[in-house]
PDB file of all heavy atoms in Angstrom:
ATOM      1  N   PRO A   1    -160.544  97.682 -59.806  1.00  0.00           N
ATOM      2  CA  PRO A   1    -159.674  98.149 -60.933  1.00  0.00           C
ATOM      3  C   PRO A   1    -159.825  99.690 -60.964  1.00  0.00           C
ATOM      4  O   PRO A   1    -160.856 100.261 -60.564  1.00  0.00           O
ATOM      5  CB  PRO A   1    -160.344  97.436 -62.123  1.00  0.00           C
ATOM      6  CG  PRO A   1    -161.756  97.237 -61.747  1.00  0.00           C
ATOM      7  CD  PRO A   1    -161.579  96.941 -60.229  1.00  0.00           C
ATOM      8  N   LEU A   2    -158.574 100.339 -61.393  1.00  0.00           N
ATOM      9  CA  LEU A   2    -158.586 101.798 -61.390  1.00  0.00           C
ATOM     10  C   LEU A   2    -159.595 102.401 -62.454  1.00  0.00           C
ATOM     11  O   LEU A   2    -160.260 103.280 -62.308  1.00  0.00           O
ATOM     12  CB  LEU A   2    -157.135 102.392 -61.673  1.00  0.00           C
ATOM     13  CG  LEU A   2    -156.205 102.053 -60.650  1.00  0.00           C
ATOM     14  CD1 LEU A   2    -154.731 102.334 -61.025  1.00  0.00           C
ATOM     15  CD2 LEU A   2    -156.607 102.585 -59.342  1.00  0.00           C
ATOM     16  N   SER A   3    -159.652 101.629 -63.569  1.00  0.00           N
ATOM     17  CA  SER A   3    -160.444 102.141 -64.700  1.00  0.00           C
ATOM     18  C   SER A   3    -160.658 100.984 -65.611  1.00  0.00           C
ATOM     19  O   SER A   3    -159.755 100.120 -65.846  1.00  0.00           O
ATOM     20  CB  SER A   3    -159.918 103.376 -65.346  1.00  0.00           C
ATOM     21  OG  SER A   3    -160.701 103.778 -66.447  1.00  0.00           O
ATOM     22  N   THR A   4    -161.806 101.030 -66.399  1.00  0.00           N
ATOM     23  CA  THR A   4    -162.078 100.078 -67.364  1.00  0.00           C
ATOM     24  C   THR A   4    -161.897 100.630 -68.834  1.00  0.00           C
ATOM     25  O   THR A   4    -162.280 100.078 -69.784  1.00  0.00           O
ATOM     26  CB  THR A   4    -163.385  99.565 -67.182  1.00  0.00           C
ATOM     27  OG1 THR A   4    -164.420 100.531 -67.170  1.00  0.00           O
ATOM     28  CG2 THR A   4    -163.529  98.741 -65.910  1.00  0.00           C
ATOM     29  N   GLU A   5    -161.402 101.928 -68.717  1.00  0.00           N
ATOM     30  CA  GLU A   5    -161.285 102.676 -70.024  1.00  0.00           C
ATOM     31  C   GLU A   5    -160.167 102.148 -70.807  1.00  0.00           C
ATOM     32  O   GLU A   5    -159.033 101.714 -70.240  1.00  0.00           O
ATOM     33  CB  GLU A   5    -161.107 104.193 -69.831  1.00  0.00           C
ATOM     34  CG  GLU A   5    -160.030 104.481 -68.893  1.00  0.00           C
ATOM     35  CD  GLU A   5    -159.921 105.946 -68.648  1.00  0.00           C
ATOM     36  OE1 GLU A   5    -160.425 106.834 -69.485  1.00  0.00           O
ATOM     37  OE2 GLU A   5    -159.578 106.274 -67.528  1.00  0.00           O
ATOM     38  N   SER A   6    -160.223 102.139 -72.177  1.00  0.00           N
ATOM     39  CA  SER A   6    -159.201 101.650 -73.001  1.00  0.00           C
ATOM     40  C   SER A   6    -158.644 102.679 -73.894  1.00  0.00           C
ATOM     41  O   SER A   6    -157.692 102.390 -74.598  1.00  0.00           O
ATOM     42  CB  SER A   6    -159.656 100.469 -73.902  1.00  0.00           C
ATOM     43  OG  SER A   6    -160.772 100.759 -74.600  1.00  0.00           O
ATOM     44  N   GLU A   7    -159.343 103.934 -73.960  1.00  0.00           N
ATOM     45  CA  GLU A   7    -158.745 104.913 -74.857  1.00  0.00           C
ATOM     46  C   GLU A   7    -157.639 105.612 -74.162  1.00  0.00           C
ATOM     47  O   GLU A   7    -157.609 105.984 -72.963  1.00  0.00           O
ATOM     48  CB  GLU A   7    -159.895 105.943 -75.100  1.00  0.00           C
ATOM     49  CG  GLU A   7    -160.996 105.338 -75.902  1.00  0.00           C
ATOM     50  CD  GLU A   7    -162.127 106.368 -76.213  1.00  0.00           C
ATOM     51  OE1 GLU A   7    -161.974 107.518 -75.876  1.00  0.00           O
ATOM     52  OE2 GLU A   7    -163.113 105.909 -76.941  1.00  0.00           O
ATOM     53  N   GLY A   8    -156.752 106.049 -75.005  1.00  0.00           N
ATOM     54  CA  GLY A   8    -155.492 106.796 -74.453  1.00  0.00           C
ATOM     55  C   GLY A   8    -154.265 106.029 -74.939  1.00  0.00           C
ATOM     56  O   GLY A   8    -154.212 105.273 -75.941  1.00  0.00           O
ATOM     57  N   ILE A   9    -153.146 106.284 -74.213  1.00  0.00           N
ATOM     58  CA  ILE A   9    -151.817 105.722 -74.595  1.00  0.00           C
ATOM     59  C   ILE A   9    -151.142 105.139 -73.338  1.00  0.00           C
ATOM     60  O   ILE A   9    -151.276 105.915 -72.242  1.00  0.00           O
ATOM     61  CB  ILE A   9    -150.925 106.726 -75.322  1.00  0.00           C
ATOM     62  CG1 ILE A   9    -149.654 105.926 -75.779  1.00  0.00           C
ATOM     63  CG2 ILE A   9    -150.629 107.864 -74.535  1.00  0.00           C
ATOM     64  CD1 ILE A   9    -148.751 106.880 -76.721  1.00  0.00           C
ATOM     65  N   ARG A  10    -150.516 104.004 -73.400  1.00  0.00           N
ATOM     66  CA  ARG A  10    -149.853 103.411 -72.360  1.00  0.00           C
ATOM     67  C   ARG A  10    -148.277 103.586 -72.546  1.00  0.00           C
ATOM     68  O   ARG A  10    -147.889 103.303 -73.569  1.00  0.00           O
ATOM     69  CB  ARG A  10    -150.255 101.979 -72.050  1.00  0.00           C
ATOM     70  CG  ARG A  10    -151.642 101.847 -71.478  1.00  0.00           C
ATOM     71  CD  ARG A  10    -152.139 100.425 -71.447  1.00  0.00           C
ATOM     72  NE  ARG A  10    -153.323 100.278 -70.637  1.00  0.00           N
ATOM     73  CZ  ARG A  10    -154.467 100.443 -71.064  1.00  0.00           C
ATOM     74  NH1 ARG A  10    -154.748 100.830 -72.332  1.00  0.00           N
ATOM     75  NH2 ARG A  10    -155.623 100.319 -70.323  1.00  0.00           N
ATOM     76  N   LEU A  11    -147.667 103.930 -71.416  1.00  0.00           N
ATOM     77  CA  LEU A  11    -146.218 104.103 -71.502  1.00  0.00           C
ATOM     78  C   LEU A  11    -145.500 103.341 -70.423  1.00  0.00           C
ATOM     79  O   LEU A  11    -146.088 103.035 -69.410  1.00  0.00           O
ATOM     80  CB  LEU A  11    -145.961 105.577 -71.397  1.00  0.00           C
ATOM     81  CG  LEU A  11    -146.568 106.630 -72.390  1.00  0.00           C
ATOM     82  CD1 LEU A  11    -146.294 107.978 -71.842  1.00  0.00           C
ATOM     83  CD2 LEU A  11    -146.187 106.407 -73.766  1.00  0.00           C
ATOM     84  N   ASN A  12    -144.255 102.948 -70.655  1.00  0.00           N
ATOM     85  CA  ASN A  12    -143.398 102.375 -69.649  1.00  0.00           C
ATOM     86  C   ASN A  12    -142.341 103.402 -69.232  1.00  0.00           C
ATOM     87  O   ASN A  12    -141.621 103.862 -70.044  1.00  0.00           O
ATOM     88  CB  ASN A  12    -142.732 101.137 -70.319  1.00  0.00           C
ATOM     89  CG  ASN A  12    -143.646 100.002 -70.448  1.00  0.00           C
ATOM     90  OD1 ASN A  12    -144.615  99.865 -69.689  1.00  0.00           O
ATOM     91  ND2 ASN A  12    -143.533  99.247 -71.509  1.00  0.00           N
ATOM     92  N   LEU A  13    -142.349 103.676 -67.912  1.00  0.00           N
ATOM     93  CA  LEU A  13    -141.386 104.464 -67.291  1.00  0.00           C
ATOM     94  C   LEU A  13    -140.399 103.776 -66.479  1.00  0.00           C
ATOM     95  O   LEU A  13    -140.870 102.845 -65.714  1.00  0.00           O
ATOM     96  CB  LEU A  13    -142.082 105.606 -66.477  1.00  0.00           C
ATOM     97  CG  LEU A  13    -143.277 106.348 -67.096  1.00  0.00           C
ATOM     98  CD1 LEU A  13    -143.708 107.419 -66.222  1.00  0.00           C
ATOM     99  CD2 LEU A  13    -142.713 107.070 -68.338  1.00  0.00           C
ATOM    100  N   PHE A  14    -139.056 104.079 -66.504  1.00  0.00           N
ATOM    101  CA  PHE A  14    -138.089 103.332 -65.849  1.00  0.00           C
ATOM    102  C   PHE A  14    -137.413 104.394 -64.856  1.00  0.00           C
ATOM    103  O   PHE A  14    -136.894 105.345 -65.286  1.00  0.00           O
ATOM    104  CB  PHE A  14    -137.137 102.691 -66.762  1.00  0.00           C
ATOM    105  CG  PHE A  14    -137.665 101.587 -67.553  1.00  0.00           C
ATOM    106  CD1 PHE A  14    -138.151 101.956 -68.906  1.00  0.00           C
ATOM    107  CD2 PHE A  14    -137.646 100.265 -67.206  1.00  0.00           C
ATOM    108  CE1 PHE A  14    -138.697 100.885 -69.665  1.00  0.00           C
ATOM    109  CE2 PHE A  14    -138.173  99.289 -68.014  1.00  0.00           C
ATOM    110  CZ  PHE A  14    -138.708  99.665 -69.287  1.00  0.00           C
ATOM    111  N   SER A  15    -137.520 103.991 -63.466  1.00  0.00           N
ATOM    112  CA  SER A  15    -136.930 104.836 -62.503  1.00  0.00           C
ATOM    113  C   SER A  15    -135.734 104.113 -61.887  1.00  0.00           C
ATOM    114  O   SER A  15    -135.814 102.958 -61.412  1.00  0.00           O
ATOM    115  CB  SER A  15    -137.930 105.066 -61.434  1.00  0.00           C
ATOM    116  OG  SER A  15    -137.340 105.744 -60.298  1.00  0.00           O
ATOM    117  N   TYR A  16    -134.502 104.876 -62.023  1.00  0.00           N
ATOM    118  CA  TYR A  16    -133.323 104.258 -61.476  1.00  0.00           C
ATOM    119  C   TYR A  16    -132.981 104.910 -60.231  1.00  0.00           C
ATOM    120  O   TYR A  16    -131.983 104.499 -59.423  1.00  0.00           O
ATOM    121  CB  TYR A  16    -132.138 104.571 -62.506  1.00  0.00           C
ATOM    122  CG  TYR A  16    -132.433 103.962 -63.882  1.00  0.00           C
ATOM    123  CD1 TYR A  16    -133.098 104.694 -64.896  1.00  0.00           C
ATOM    124  CD2 TYR A  16    -131.989 102.776 -64.089  1.00  0.00           C
ATOM    125  CE1 TYR A  16    -133.266 104.147 -66.081  1.00  0.00           C
ATOM    126  CE2 TYR A  16    -132.262 102.151 -65.454  1.00  0.00           C
ATOM    127  CZ  TYR A  16    -132.837 102.892 -66.418  1.00  0.00           C
ATOM    128  OH  TYR A  16    -133.123 102.303 -67.619  1.00  0.00           O
ATOM    129  N   LYS A  17    -133.672 105.871 -59.694  1.00  0.00           N
ATOM    130  CA  LYS A  17    -133.404 106.429 -58.362  1.00  0.00           C
ATOM    131  C   LYS A  17    -134.842 106.820 -57.717  1.00  0.00           C
ATOM    132  O   LYS A  17    -135.806 106.791 -58.340  1.00  0.00           O
ATOM    133  CB  LYS A  17    -132.658 107.803 -58.521  1.00  0.00           C
ATOM    134  CG  LYS A  17    -131.200 107.648 -58.929  1.00  0.00           C
ATOM    135  CD  LYS A  17    -130.492 108.993 -58.994  1.00  0.00           C
ATOM    136  CE  LYS A  17    -129.100 108.935 -59.531  1.00  0.00           C
ATOM    137  NZ  LYS A  17    -128.484 110.178 -59.540  1.00  0.00           N
ATOM    138  N   GLY A  18    -134.854 106.845 -56.461  1.00  0.00           N
ATOM    139  CA  GLY A  18    -136.021 107.399 -55.791  1.00  0.00           C
ATOM    140  C   GLY A  18    -136.791 106.115 -55.175  1.00  0.00           C
ATOM    141  O   GLY A  18    -136.443 104.981 -55.530  1.00  0.00           O
ATOM    142  N   ALA A  19    -137.837 106.461 -54.401  1.00  0.00           N
ATOM    143  CA  ALA A  19    -138.640 105.335 -53.830  1.00  0.00           C
ATOM    144  C   ALA A  19    -139.733 104.865 -54.817  1.00  0.00           C
ATOM    145  O   ALA A  19    -139.939 105.534 -55.764  1.00  0.00           O
ATOM    146  CB  ALA A  19    -139.153 105.929 -52.514  1.00  0.00           C
ATOM    147  N   LYS A  20    -140.220 103.764 -54.379  1.00  0.00           N
ATOM    148  CA  LYS A  20    -141.210 103.116 -55.258  1.00  0.00           C
ATOM    149  C   LYS A  20    -142.569 103.906 -55.055  1.00  0.00           C
ATOM    150  O   LYS A  20    -143.117 104.244 -53.939  1.00  0.00           O
ATOM    151  CB  LYS A  20    -141.418 101.684 -54.822  1.00  0.00           C
ATOM    152  CG  LYS A  20    -142.681 100.956 -55.322  1.00  0.00           C
ATOM    153  CD  LYS A  20    -142.721  99.627 -54.952  1.00  0.00           C
ATOM    154  CE  LYS A  20    -143.986  98.905 -55.227  1.00  0.00           C
ATOM    155  NZ  LYS A  20    -145.198  99.526 -54.533  1.00  0.00           N
ATOM    156  N   LEU A  21    -143.326 104.043 -56.191  1.00  0.00           N
ATOM    157  CA  LEU A  21    -144.635 104.690 -56.173  1.00  0.00           C
ATOM    158  C   LEU A  21    -145.766 103.496 -56.272  1.00  0.00           C
ATOM    159  O   LEU A  21    -145.333 102.325 -56.764  1.00  0.00           O
ATOM    160  CB  LEU A  21    -144.824 105.543 -57.370  1.00  0.00           C
ATOM    161  CG  LEU A  21    -143.854 106.775 -57.352  1.00  0.00           C
ATOM    162  CD1 LEU A  21    -144.082 107.635 -58.548  1.00  0.00           C
ATOM    163  CD2 LEU A  21    -144.169 107.694 -56.183  1.00  0.00           C
ATOM    164  N   ASP A  22    -146.864 103.734 -55.773  1.00  0.00           N
ATOM    165  CA  ASP A  22    -147.894 102.686 -55.771  1.00  0.00           C
ATOM    166  C   ASP A  22    -148.768 102.821 -56.980  1.00  0.00           C
ATOM    167  O   ASP A  22    -148.895 103.799 -57.671  1.00  0.00           O
ATOM    168  CB  ASP A  22    -148.820 102.858 -54.453  1.00  0.00           C
ATOM    169  CG  ASP A  22    -148.003 102.662 -53.300  1.00  0.00           C
ATOM    170  OD1 ASP A  22    -147.042 101.797 -53.345  1.00  0.00           O
ATOM    171  OD2 ASP A  22    -148.202 103.190 -52.223  1.00  0.00           O
ATOM    172  N   VAL A  23    -149.514 101.683 -57.225  1.00  0.00           N
ATOM    173  CA  VAL A  23    -150.618 101.591 -58.288  1.00  0.00           C
ATOM    174  C   VAL A  23    -151.666 102.697 -57.969  1.00  0.00           C
ATOM    175  O   VAL A  23    -152.123 102.875 -56.832  1.00  0.00           O
ATOM    176  CB  VAL A  23    -151.127 100.206 -58.383  1.00  0.00           C
ATOM    177  CG1 VAL A  23    -152.349 100.268 -59.365  1.00  0.00           C
ATOM    178  CG2 VAL A  23    -150.144  99.311 -58.853  1.00  0.00           C
ATOM    179  N   GLY A  24    -152.013 103.425 -58.968  1.00  0.00           N
ATOM    180  CA  GLY A  24    -153.037 104.444 -58.746  1.00  0.00           C
ATOM    181  C   GLY A  24    -152.510 105.866 -58.678  1.00  0.00           C
ATOM    182  O   GLY A  24    -153.308 106.914 -58.506  1.00  0.00           O
ATOM    183  N   VAL A  25    -151.214 106.032 -58.500  1.00  0.00           N
ATOM    184  CA  VAL A  25    -150.626 107.404 -58.311  1.00  0.00           C
ATOM    185  C   VAL A  25    -151.025 108.144 -59.604  1.00  0.00           C
ATOM    186  O   VAL A  25    -150.774 107.721 -60.626  1.00  0.00           O
ATOM    187  CB  VAL A  25    -149.173 107.238 -58.140  1.00  0.00           C
ATOM    188  CG1 VAL A  25    -148.382 108.591 -58.365  1.00  0.00           C
ATOM    189  CG2 VAL A  25    -148.849 106.706 -56.802  1.00  0.00           C
ATOM    190  N   PRO A  26    -151.406 109.407 -59.413  1.00  0.00           N
ATOM    191  CA  PRO A  26    -151.876 110.086 -60.639  1.00  0.00           C
ATOM    192  C   PRO A  26    -150.644 110.720 -61.416  1.00  0.00           C
ATOM    193  O   PRO A  26    -149.562 110.772 -60.786  1.00  0.00           O
ATOM    194  CB  PRO A  26    -152.634 111.267 -59.909  1.00  0.00           C
ATOM    195  CG  PRO A  26    -152.028 111.437 -58.560  1.00  0.00           C
ATOM    196  CD  PRO A  26    -151.610 110.164 -58.177  1.00  0.00           C
ATOM    197  N   VAL A  27    -150.981 110.958 -62.597  1.00  0.00           N
ATOM    198  CA  VAL A  27    -149.909 111.449 -63.598  1.00  0.00           C
ATOM    199  C   VAL A  27    -150.540 112.937 -63.987  1.00  0.00           C
ATOM    200  O   VAL A  27    -151.711 112.998 -64.400  1.00  0.00           O
ATOM    201  CB  VAL A  27    -149.810 110.651 -64.871  1.00  0.00           C
ATOM    202  CG1 VAL A  27    -148.702 111.382 -65.766  1.00  0.00           C
ATOM    203  CG2 VAL A  27    -149.265 109.313 -64.384  1.00  0.00           C
ATOM    204  N   HIS A  28    -149.661 113.957 -63.838  1.00  0.00           N
ATOM    205  CA  HIS A  28    -150.191 115.399 -64.093  1.00  0.00           C
ATOM    206  C   HIS A  28    -149.385 116.053 -65.291  1.00  0.00           C
ATOM    207  O   HIS A  28    -148.207 115.645 -65.515  1.00  0.00           O
ATOM    208  CB  HIS A  28    -149.941 116.146 -62.788  1.00  0.00           C
ATOM    209  CG  HIS A  28    -150.749 115.789 -61.588  1.00  0.00           C
ATOM    210  ND1 HIS A  28    -150.258 114.868 -60.585  1.00  0.00           N
ATOM    211  CD2 HIS A  28    -152.029 116.128 -61.164  1.00  0.00           C
ATOM    212  CE1 HIS A  28    -151.112 114.709 -59.737  1.00  0.00           C
ATOM    213  NE2 HIS A  28    -152.235 115.297 -60.003  1.00  0.00           N
ATOM    214  N   PHE A  29    -150.018 116.970 -65.805  1.00  0.00           N
ATOM    215  CA  PHE A  29    -149.424 117.813 -66.849  1.00  0.00           C
ATOM    216  C   PHE A  29    -149.898 119.170 -66.463  1.00  0.00           C
ATOM    217  O   PHE A  29    -151.060 119.612 -66.457  1.00  0.00           O
ATOM    218  CB  PHE A  29    -149.969 117.479 -68.197  1.00  0.00           C
ATOM    219  CG  PHE A  29    -149.395 118.381 -69.360  1.00  0.00           C
ATOM    220  CD1 PHE A  29    -148.218 118.099 -69.760  1.00  0.00           C
ATOM    221  CD2 PHE A  29    -150.055 119.534 -69.714  1.00  0.00           C
ATOM    222  CE1 PHE A  29    -147.554 118.921 -70.829  1.00  0.00           C
ATOM    223  CE2 PHE A  29    -149.492 120.288 -70.779  1.00  0.00           C
ATOM    224  CZ  PHE A  29    -148.247 120.015 -71.171  1.00  0.00           C
ATOM    225  N   ARG A  30    -148.900 120.049 -65.967  1.00  0.00           N
ATOM    226  CA  ARG A  30    -149.015 121.362 -65.498  1.00  0.00           C
ATOM    227  C   ARG A  30    -150.169 121.398 -64.252  1.00  0.00           C
ATOM    228  O   ARG A  30    -151.051 122.246 -64.245  1.00  0.00           O
ATOM    229  CB  ARG A  30    -149.527 122.324 -66.594  1.00  0.00           C
ATOM    230  CG  ARG A  30    -148.331 122.442 -67.684  1.00  0.00           C
ATOM    231  CD  ARG A  30    -148.980 123.461 -68.687  1.00  0.00           C
ATOM    232  NE  ARG A  30    -147.890 123.592 -69.790  1.00  0.00           N
ATOM    233  CZ  ARG A  30    -148.039 124.446 -70.886  1.00  0.00           C
ATOM    234  NH1 ARG A  30    -149.245 125.058 -71.027  1.00  0.00           N
ATOM    235  NH2 ARG A  30    -147.042 124.457 -71.672  1.00  0.00           N
TER     236      ARG A  30
END
């Protein structure tokens, strides 16, 4: 499992174009 942490917020993102990303791909801010 990537992480066992439960703190934070979960979001659903919908992609209508582009290739598929895999589980574990990082999310960045700046």
